[in-house]
């Protein structure tokens, strides 16, 4: 099957409407009928502001990057991005075509 891989990058403790943003994204996707999503905590990273986020031995609370990923059909990806635009969420995302399927066929 052909589809779209949609990935968002957020900071671990960033919130939207009082909820951690990565959790909010997963919940919104679920409410929209998207069949699955994953939030992955990164070891380190930096974004458009050039601030390096990483976990060190001395840090008690690191604000690490989180990748929130979905594999969707093109229509689902378009609807989800439109919804996020309407919610006025400030996000960086990547979107590219993928082939996906289930085993055994």
C-alpha atoms as a PDB file:
ATOM      1  CA  UNK A   1       0.000   0.000   0.000  1.00  0.00           C
ATOM      2  CA  UNK A   2       1.115   3.545  -0.653  1.00  0.00           C
ATOM      3  CA  UNK A   3       0.841   6.171   2.042  1.00  0.00           C
ATOM      4  CA  UNK A   4       2.432   9.056   3.888  1.00  0.00           C
ATOM      5  CA  UNK A   5       4.892   9.069   6.770  1.00  0.00           C
ATOM      6  CA  UNK A   6       4.238  12.089   8.974  1.00  0.00           C
ATOM      7  CA  UNK A   7       6.674  12.967  11.767  1.00  0.00           C
ATOM      8  CA  UNK A   8       6.576  15.842  14.251  1.00  0.00           C
ATOM      9  CA  UNK A   9       9.445  17.010  16.452  1.00  0.00           C
ATOM     10  CA  UNK A  10       8.563  18.442  19.877  1.00  0.00           C
ATOM     11  CA  UNK A  11      10.303  18.992  23.197  1.00  0.00           C
ATOM     12  CA  UNK A  12       9.449  16.444  25.869  1.00  0.00           C
ATOM     13  CA  UNK A  13       7.884  18.891  28.347  1.00  0.00           C
ATOM     14  CA  UNK A  14       6.213  21.247  25.874  1.00  0.00           C
ATOM     15  CA  UNK A  15       2.464  21.513  26.478  1.00  0.00           C
ATOM     16  CA  UNK A  16      -0.613  22.357  24.446  1.00  0.00           C
ATOM     17  CA  UNK A  17      -3.866  23.097  26.286  1.00  0.00           C
ATOM     18  CA  UNK A  18      -2.292  21.866  29.537  1.00  0.00           C
ATOM     19  CA  UNK A  19      -1.291  18.459  28.101  1.00  0.00           C
ATOM     20  CA  UNK A  20       2.157  17.318  27.010  1.00  0.00           C
ATOM     21  CA  UNK A  21       2.243  18.060  23.297  1.00  0.00           C
ATOM     22  CA  UNK A  22       3.330  14.585  22.205  1.00  0.00           C
ATOM     23  CA  UNK A  23       0.442  13.069  24.203  1.00  0.00           C
ATOM     24  CA  UNK A  24      -1.953  15.663  22.796  1.00  0.00           C
ATOM     25  CA  UNK A  25      -0.868  14.814  19.231  1.00  0.00           C
ATOM     26  CA  UNK A  26      -1.439  11.095  19.820  1.00  0.00           C
ATOM     27  CA  UNK A  27      -4.856  11.703  21.428  1.00  0.00           C
ATOM     28  CA  UNK A  28      -5.967  14.061  18.626  1.00  0.00           C
ATOM     29  CA  UNK A  29      -4.872  11.544  16.015  1.00  0.00           C
ATOM     30  CA  UNK A  30      -6.814   8.800  17.784  1.00  0.00           C
ATOM     31  CA  UNK A  31      -9.941  10.993  17.934  1.00  0.00           C
ATOM     32  CA  UNK A  32      -9.539  11.668  14.203  1.00  0.00           C
ATOM     33  CA  UNK A  33      -9.673   7.943  13.467  1.00  0.00           C
ATOM     34  CA  UNK A  34      -5.975   7.490  12.735  1.00  0.00           C
ATOM     35  CA  UNK A  35      -5.144   3.850  13.445  1.00  0.00           C
ATOM     36  CA  UNK A  36      -1.770   4.251  15.129  1.00  0.00           C
ATOM     37  CA  UNK A  37       1.002   6.578  16.168  1.00  0.00           C
ATOM     38  CA  UNK A  38       4.233   6.434  18.129  1.00  0.00           C
ATOM     39  CA  UNK A  39       6.117   8.880  20.332  1.00  0.00           C
ATOM     40  CA  UNK A  40       9.858   8.179  20.562  1.00  0.00           C
ATOM     41  CA  UNK A  41      12.127   9.955  23.045  1.00  0.00           C
ATOM     42  CA  UNK A  42      15.468  10.937  21.555  1.00  0.00           C
ATOM     43  CA  UNK A  43      18.846  10.831  23.295  1.00  0.00           C
ATOM     44  CA  UNK A  44      19.795  14.335  22.125  1.00  0.00           C
ATOM     45  CA  UNK A  45      19.002  16.889  19.448  1.00  0.00           C
ATOM     46  CA  UNK A  46      18.719  20.535  18.510  1.00  0.00           C
ATOM     47  CA  UNK A  47      16.135  22.492  16.581  1.00  0.00           C
ATOM     48  CA  UNK A  48      15.722  25.746  14.737  1.00  0.00           C
ATOM     49  CA  UNK A  49      16.826  27.784  17.738  1.00  0.00           C
ATOM     50  CA  UNK A  50      20.155  25.939  17.911  1.00  0.00           C
ATOM     51  CA  UNK A  51      19.771  24.841  21.543  1.00  0.00           C
ATOM     52  CA  UNK A  52      21.220  21.392  22.144  1.00  0.00           C
ATOM     53  CA  UNK A  53      18.956  19.234  24.298  1.00  0.00           C
ATOM     54  CA  UNK A  54      20.450  16.129  25.803  1.00  0.00           C
ATOM     55  CA  UNK A  55      20.462  14.021  28.901  1.00  0.00           C
ATOM     56  CA  UNK A  56      23.538  14.140  31.095  1.00  0.00           C
ATOM     57  CA  UNK A  57      24.324  12.382  34.328  1.00  0.00           C
ATOM     58  CA  UNK A  58      23.909  15.571  36.365  1.00  0.00           C
ATOM     59  CA  UNK A  59      20.580  16.655  34.888  1.00  0.00           C
ATOM     60  CA  UNK A  60      17.521  15.562  36.820  1.00  0.00           C
ATOM     61  CA  UNK A  61      15.019  16.771  34.252  1.00  0.00           C
ATOM     62  CA  UNK A  62      16.182  16.902  30.637  1.00  0.00           C
ATOM     63  CA  UNK A  63      13.864  18.458  28.053  1.00  0.00           C
ATOM     64  CA  UNK A  64      14.661  15.931  25.347  1.00  0.00           C
ATOM     65  CA  UNK A  65      13.346  15.875  21.782  1.00  0.00           C
ATOM     66  CA  UNK A  66      10.386  13.598  21.069  1.00  0.00           C
ATOM     67  CA  UNK A  67       9.479  12.332  17.604  1.00  0.00           C
ATOM     68  CA  UNK A  68       5.776  11.680  17.060  1.00  0.00           C
ATOM     69  CA  UNK A  69       5.236   9.458  14.009  1.00  0.00           C
ATOM     70  CA  UNK A  70       2.273   8.316  11.946  1.00  0.00           C
ATOM     71  CA  UNK A  71       1.857   6.224   8.797  1.00  0.00           C
ATOM     72  CA  UNK A  72      -1.325   7.380   7.044  1.00  0.00           C
ATOM     73  CA  UNK A  73      -3.004   7.524   3.709  1.00  0.00           C
ATOM     74  CA  UNK A  74      -2.658  10.885   1.947  1.00  0.00           C
ATOM     75  CA  UNK A  75      -6.185  12.011   2.822  1.00  0.00           C
ATOM     76  CA  UNK A  76      -5.686  11.269   6.541  1.00  0.00           C
ATOM     77  CA  UNK A  77      -2.388  13.191   6.512  1.00  0.00           C
ATOM     78  CA  UNK A  78      -4.031  16.187   4.817  1.00  0.00           C
ATOM     79  CA  UNK A  79      -6.949  16.196   7.281  1.00  0.00           C
ATOM     80  CA  UNK A  80      -4.643  15.881  10.299  1.00  0.00           C
ATOM     81  CA  UNK A  81      -2.367  18.714   9.147  1.00  0.00           C
ATOM     82  CA  UNK A  82      -5.438  20.892   8.499  1.00  0.00           C
ATOM     83  CA  UNK A  83      -6.733  20.152  11.983  1.00  0.00           C
ATOM     84  CA  UNK A  84      -3.392  21.105  13.543  1.00  0.00           C
ATOM     85  CA  UNK A  85      -3.343  24.297  11.462  1.00  0.00           C
ATOM     86  CA  UNK A  86      -6.834  25.159  12.749  1.00  0.00           C
ATOM     87  CA  UNK A  87      -5.656  24.485  16.340  1.00  0.00           C
ATOM     88  CA  UNK A  88      -2.829  26.983  15.723  1.00  0.00           C
ATOM     89  CA  UNK A  89      -0.159  24.556  16.993  1.00  0.00           C
ATOM     90  CA  UNK A  90       3.418  25.690  16.303  1.00  0.00           C
ATOM     91  CA  UNK A  91       5.073  22.507  15.010  1.00  0.00           C
ATOM     92  CA  UNK A  92       7.863  21.346  12.748  1.00  0.00           C
ATOM     93  CA  UNK A  93       7.017  18.282  10.675  1.00  0.00           C
ATOM     94  CA  UNK A  94       8.334  16.130   7.857  1.00  0.00           C
ATOM     95  CA  UNK A  95       6.127  14.318   5.394  1.00  0.00           C
ATOM     96  CA  UNK A  96       7.176  11.845   2.737  1.00  0.00           C
ATOM     97  CA  UNK A  97       5.711   8.976   0.714  1.00  0.00           C
ATOM     98  CA  UNK A  98       6.058   5.430   2.035  1.00  0.00           C
ATOM     99  CA  UNK A  99       5.055   1.932   1.118  1.00  0.00           C
ATOM    100  CA  UNK A 100       3.559  -0.110   3.939  1.00  0.00           C
ATOM    101  CA  UNK A 101       1.788  -3.389   4.500  1.00  0.00           C
ATOM    102  CA  UNK A 102       1.048  -6.222   6.881  1.00  0.00           C
ATOM    103  CA  UNK A 103       2.614  -9.662   7.139  1.00  0.00           C
ATOM    104  CA  UNK A 104       1.600 -12.315   6.437  1.00  0.00           C
ATOM    105  CA  UNK A 105      -0.137 -11.081   3.306  1.00  0.00           C
END
